[in-house]
Amino acid sequence: MKPRSKVLIIAGSDSSGGAGIQADIKTVTALGSYATTAVTAVTAQNTKGVKKIVSIPTEIFQKQIIMILEDIGAHAVKIGMLHNTDIIKSVYKILKKYKSKNVVLDPVMIAKSGAKLISNSSIKYLKKLLLPLCTLVTPNIPEAEVLTGYSISTKEDMIKAAKKILSMGSKNVLLKGGHLKNKMIFDILVTKKNVKIYSKRKIKTKNTHGTGCTLSSALATCLSQRKNIFEACKFSLNYVDQAIIHAPNYGKGFGPLNHLVLFNSKNNHV
């Protein structure tokens, strides 16, 4: 089977394979496209936590993206963890120069422990430079609170925050609702013309490592394959749900998802 499209992934490496570039490559490949990568940082981590993060020098990072775009090209770009202003400025300049399309940003800002992963200066540049380049941005509730300064505790708060992020320049916003204390999860897509609410029952599990990475990579892949924004969100959210339900249960902490779930014939309807 020939890959249906090409997706450039800009993110950090996760040595445990559950999140970051490893999860991104698995997702893009499982959904039938070809993944290329630009690594922003290398981590030493497992399901129990991150022990060490080493940044890739900016010059090498920039060269990775340029070499890919000048040769192979990309039908979509997925952006994950960008933890300093130099990396953010580099991504902005290069994607603008090459007029990259279908840019999906997962604004990784808050660790599961609640610790902030990027500085206030980096957040400022993320909002000013990158959001206007994005086809879609996929914050969770804590990240949306950082981006907007709003407190979010209801579905109505989520819609208000998503509209605020939309006004910062992104063409579409998918605000993930998993952090609300509720039996139901509401993921809310806000476009220039519509508000679409995707609702589902919350799955009780500890196997949630890499859900944000997996979702944003699935979305970038769907957009690269010319699905519209509504089809892309419906498919990608279902894919992540199935990947959680069929997780392999590896590790002693927050376990990884099953990115191969579509290869189980019973789940081909995802």
Protein backbone atom coordinates (compact mmCIF):
# COMPACT_ATOMS: atom_id res chain seq x y z
CA MET A 1 0.00 0.00 0.00
CA LYS A 2 1.39 3.38 -1.01
CA PRO A 3 1.19 6.18 1.60
CA ARG A 4 -1.72 8.52 0.87
CA SER A 5 0.06 11.73 1.93
CA LYS A 6 3.12 13.16 3.71
CA VAL A 7 3.05 14.62 7.24
CA LEU A 8 5.92 16.57 8.83
CA ILE A 9 6.08 16.15 12.62
CA ILE A 10 7.82 18.82 14.74
CA ALA A 11 8.04 17.59 18.35
CA GLY A 12 10.16 16.10 21.12
CA SER A 13 11.25 12.48 21.40
CA ASP A 14 9.72 10.20 24.07
CA SER A 15 12.03 7.29 24.89
CA SER A 16 9.07 5.25 26.20
CA GLY A 17 7.37 5.40 22.79
CA GLY A 18 3.96 6.45 24.14
CA ALA A 19 3.99 10.15 23.35
CA GLY A 20 5.99 12.70 21.35
CA ILE A 21 7.50 11.90 17.98
CA GLN A 22 7.25 8.14 18.53
CA ALA A 23 3.47 8.31 19.05
CA ASP A 24 3.19 10.72 16.12
CA ILE A 25 5.02 8.41 13.69
CA LYS A 26 2.92 5.43 14.79
CA THR A 27 -0.31 7.39 14.33
CA VAL A 28 0.56 8.80 10.90
CA THR A 29 1.72 5.37 9.70
CA ALA A 30 -1.32 3.54 11.11
CA LEU A 31 -3.61 5.98 9.30
CA GLY A 32 -1.91 5.37 5.97
CA SER A 33 0.45 8.32 5.49
CA TYR A 34 4.22 8.93 5.48
CA ALA A 35 5.85 10.62 8.49
CA THR A 36 8.94 12.83 8.47
CA THR A 37 10.32 14.45 11.63
CA ALA A 38 12.15 17.41 13.10
CA VAL A 39 13.15 16.69 16.70
CA THR A 40 13.03 19.63 19.14
CA ALA A 41 14.31 17.76 22.22
CA VAL A 42 15.33 14.33 23.46
CA THR A 43 13.84 13.06 26.72
CA ALA A 44 14.61 10.22 29.10
CA GLN A 45 11.19 9.10 30.34
CA ASN A 46 8.83 6.23 30.95
CA THR A 47 5.18 5.82 31.97
CA LYS A 48 6.01 7.13 35.46
CA GLY A 49 7.52 10.44 34.40
CA VAL A 50 10.21 12.50 32.67
CA LYS A 51 13.73 12.24 34.12
CA LYS A 52 15.75 14.37 31.69
CA ILE A 53 15.15 16.75 28.75
CA VAL A 54 17.93 17.84 26.38
CA SER A 55 17.18 20.49 23.74
CA ILE A 56 18.39 20.03 20.17
CA PRO A 57 20.56 23.00 19.07
CA THR A 58 18.47 25.50 17.08
CA GLU A 59 20.69 25.34 13.98
CA ILE A 60 20.33 21.54 13.72
CA PHE A 61 16.60 21.75 14.41
CA GLN A 62 16.11 24.32 11.63
CA LYS A 63 18.15 22.23 9.20
CA GLN A 64 15.94 19.19 9.83
CA ILE A 65 12.80 21.05 8.69
CA ILE A 66 14.45 22.73 5.70
CA MET A 67 15.96 19.46 4.41
CA ILE A 68 12.52 17.81 4.54
CA LEU A 69 10.55 20.66 2.95
CA GLU A 70 13.10 21.21 0.15
CA ASP A 71 13.11 17.53 -0.83
CA ILE A 72 10.13 15.43 0.29
CA GLY A 73 7.64 18.19 1.12
CA ALA A 74 4.58 17.88 3.37
CA HIS A 75 0.81 17.92 2.90
CA ALA A 76 0.38 18.74 6.62
CA VAL A 77 2.50 19.76 9.60
CA LYS A 78 1.92 18.61 13.19
CA ILE A 79 3.61 20.73 15.86
CA GLY A 80 4.06 19.43 19.39
CA MET A 81 6.32 20.58 22.23
CA LEU A 82 8.17 23.85 21.49
CA HIS A 83 9.82 24.73 24.77
CA ASN A 84 11.79 27.89 23.97
CA THR A 85 11.43 31.11 21.95
CA ASP A 86 14.26 30.29 19.49
CA ILE A 87 12.47 27.10 18.40
CA ILE A 88 9.13 28.94 18.09
CA LYS A 89 10.66 31.74 15.98
CA SER A 90 12.44 29.17 13.78
CA VAL A 91 9.23 27.21 13.14
CA TYR A 92 7.38 30.43 12.29
CA LYS A 93 10.01 31.69 9.81
CA ILE A 94 10.43 28.36 8.00
CA LEU A 95 6.72 27.44 7.75
CA LYS A 96 5.90 30.96 6.55
CA LYS A 97 8.69 30.86 3.94
CA TYR A 98 7.55 27.48 2.57
CA LYS A 99 3.85 28.43 2.81
CA SER A 100 3.06 25.24 4.73
CA LYS A 101 -0.59 24.16 4.72
CA ASN A 102 -2.72 22.12 7.17
CA VAL A 103 -0.70 23.14 10.23
CA VAL A 104 -1.98 21.48 13.43
CA LEU A 105 -0.61 22.80 16.73
CA ASP A 106 -0.84 20.83 19.98
CA PRO A 107 0.20 23.59 22.41
CA VAL A 108 2.02 21.43 24.97
CA MET A 109 2.32 23.68 28.03
CA ILE A 110 1.29 21.82 31.16
CA ALA A 111 2.66 18.52 32.48
CA LYS A 112 0.31 15.90 34.00
CA SER A 113 1.67 17.01 37.39
CA GLY A 114 0.37 20.54 36.68
CA ALA A 115 3.85 22.05 36.15
CA LYS A 116 4.20 24.63 33.36
CA LEU A 117 6.54 23.34 30.63
CA ILE A 118 7.23 26.58 28.77
CA SER A 119 8.00 30.15 29.84
CA ASN A 120 5.66 33.14 29.66
CA SER A 121 7.89 34.59 26.93
CA SER A 122 7.50 31.41 24.85
CA ILE A 123 3.71 31.51 25.32
CA LYS A 124 3.66 35.11 24.07
CA TYR A 125 5.52 34.19 20.86
CA LEU A 126 3.42 31.06 20.40
CA LYS A 127 0.27 33.23 20.42
CA LYS A 128 1.70 36.04 18.30
CA LEU A 129 3.58 34.03 15.64
CA LEU A 130 2.26 30.48 15.42
CA LEU A 131 -1.50 30.69 16.01
CA PRO A 132 -2.07 32.75 12.82
CA LEU A 133 -0.31 30.01 10.80
CA CYS A 134 -2.54 27.25 12.18
CA THR A 135 -5.36 25.45 10.43
CA LEU A 136 -6.20 23.89 13.80
CA VAL A 137 -5.00 24.27 17.40
CA THR A 138 -5.85 21.56 19.97
CA PRO A 139 -5.48 22.81 23.56
CA ASN A 140 -6.76 20.93 26.60
CA ILE A 141 -8.50 22.92 29.33
CA PRO A 142 -5.38 23.89 31.38
CA GLU A 143 -3.64 25.00 28.16
CA ALA A 144 -6.70 26.99 27.07
CA GLU A 145 -6.70 28.70 30.48
CA VAL A 146 -3.05 29.70 29.97
CA LEU A 147 -3.72 30.97 26.43
CA THR A 148 -6.80 33.00 27.34
CA GLY A 149 -6.44 33.85 31.03
CA TYR A 150 -9.98 32.50 31.55
CA SER A 151 -11.05 30.03 34.22
CA ILE A 152 -12.83 27.06 32.60
CA SER A 153 -15.24 24.87 34.56
CA THR A 154 -18.25 24.42 32.24
CA LYS A 155 -19.08 23.63 28.62
CA GLU A 156 -20.05 27.30 28.16
CA ASP A 157 -16.65 28.39 29.51
CA MET A 158 -15.01 26.08 26.96
CA ILE A 159 -16.90 27.66 24.05
CA LYS A 160 -16.01 31.17 25.26
CA ALA A 161 -12.30 30.23 25.57
CA ALA A 162 -12.22 28.49 22.17
CA LYS A 163 -13.73 31.60 20.54
CA LYS A 164 -11.08 33.74 22.25
CA ILE A 165 -8.27 31.48 20.90
CA LEU A 166 -9.91 31.62 17.45
CA SER A 167 -9.70 35.41 17.62
CA MET A 168 -5.90 35.09 18.08
CA GLY A 169 -5.58 33.88 14.48
CA SER A 170 -6.05 30.12 14.22
CA LYS A 171 -8.59 29.09 11.57
CA ASN A 172 -10.14 26.44 13.87
CA VAL A 173 -9.90 25.42 17.55
CA LEU A 174 -10.61 21.98 19.02
CA LEU A 175 -10.79 22.42 22.80
CA LYS A 176 -10.44 19.06 24.55
CA GLY A 177 -12.69 18.60 27.57
CA GLY A 178 -11.13 15.66 29.42
CA HIS A 179 -10.13 17.78 32.43
CA LEU A 180 -13.71 18.74 33.38
CA LYS A 181 -14.99 16.83 36.42
CA ASN A 182 -17.84 15.16 34.60
CA LYS A 183 -18.96 11.66 33.58
CA MET A 184 -19.21 12.94 30.00
CA ILE A 185 -16.40 14.44 27.93
CA PHE A 186 -17.20 17.35 25.63
CA ASP A 187 -14.64 18.13 22.92
CA ILE A 188 -15.61 21.40 21.27
CA LEU A 189 -14.68 22.45 17.74
CA VAL A 190 -15.06 26.16 17.02
CA THR A 191 -14.69 27.40 13.45
CA LYS A 192 -15.32 30.86 12.00
CA LYS A 193 -18.96 29.87 11.34
CA ASN A 194 -19.79 26.89 13.58
CA VAL A 195 -19.60 25.39 17.07
CA LYS A 196 -19.63 21.58 17.01
CA ILE A 197 -19.73 19.56 20.26
CA TYR A 198 -18.45 15.96 20.25
CA SER A 199 -19.67 14.20 23.41
CA LYS A 200 -18.80 10.78 24.85
CA ARG A 201 -18.62 8.97 28.18
CA LYS A 202 -15.33 9.27 30.05
CA ILE A 203 -13.23 6.08 29.97
CA LYS A 204 -11.86 5.07 33.40
CA THR A 205 -8.24 4.15 32.70
CA LYS A 206 -4.64 5.01 33.50
CA ASN A 207 -3.61 4.38 29.88
CA THR A 208 -3.64 7.98 28.68
CA HIS A 209 0.04 8.66 27.94
CA GLY A 210 0.30 10.46 24.59
CA THR A 211 -3.40 11.09 23.94
CA GLY A 212 -2.80 14.72 22.91
CA CYS A 213 0.09 13.81 20.60
CA THR A 214 -1.90 10.98 19.05
CA LEU A 215 -5.00 13.13 18.49
CA SER A 216 -3.13 16.03 16.88
CA SER A 217 -1.18 13.65 14.61
CA ALA A 218 -4.39 11.91 13.58
CA LEU A 219 -5.93 15.30 12.78
CA ALA A 220 -2.91 16.38 10.71
CA THR A 221 -3.04 13.06 8.84
CA CYS A 222 -6.76 13.41 8.12
CA LEU A 223 -6.29 16.97 6.84
CA SER A 224 -3.35 15.84 4.69
CA GLN A 225 -5.69 13.23 3.17
CA ARG A 226 -8.18 16.00 2.30
CA LYS A 227 -10.83 15.27 4.92
CA ASN A 228 -12.71 18.40 5.95
CA ILE A 229 -12.32 19.74 9.49
CA PHE A 230 -15.52 18.10 10.80
CA GLU A 231 -14.68 14.67 9.31
CA ALA A 232 -11.12 14.96 10.61
CA CYS A 233 -12.27 15.72 14.18
CA LYS A 234 -14.91 12.96 14.26
CA PHE A 235 -12.53 10.32 12.90
CA SER A 236 -9.53 11.36 15.05
CA LEU A 237 -11.49 11.52 18.31
CA ASN A 238 -12.94 8.06 17.62
CA TYR A 239 -9.49 6.70 16.76
CA VAL A 240 -8.03 7.95 20.06
CA ASP A 241 -11.00 6.50 22.00
CA GLN A 242 -10.46 3.07 20.44
CA ALA A 243 -6.70 3.31 21.02
CA ILE A 244 -7.37 4.00 24.74
CA ILE A 245 -9.96 1.20 25.06
CA HIS A 246 -7.57 -1.33 23.46
CA ALA A 247 -4.41 -0.06 25.21
CA PRO A 248 -1.73 -2.74 25.78
CA ASN A 249 -1.43 -1.90 29.50
CA TYR A 250 2.36 -1.42 29.46
CA GLY A 251 4.29 0.18 32.31
CA LYS A 252 3.59 1.00 35.95
CA GLY A 253 2.35 4.57 35.45
CA PHE A 254 0.28 6.25 32.73
CA GLY A 255 0.42 3.60 30.01
CA PRO A 256 0.55 4.15 26.23
CA LEU A 257 -2.31 3.78 23.75
CA ASN A 258 -2.68 1.09 21.11
CA HIS A 259 -1.84 2.96 17.90
CA LEU A 260 -2.38 -0.25 15.91
CA VAL A 261 -6.06 -0.45 16.86
CA LEU A 262 -7.21 -0.08 13.24
CA PHE A 263 -5.40 -3.30 12.35
CA ASN A 264 -7.87 -5.15 14.54
CA SER A 265 -10.61 -5.99 11.99
CA LYS A 266 -13.35 -5.27 14.55
CA ASN A 267 -12.26 -1.62 14.75
CA ASN A 268 -12.05 -0.73 11.07
CA HIS A 269 -15.17 1.40 11.48
CA VAL A 270 -13.28 4.02 13.51
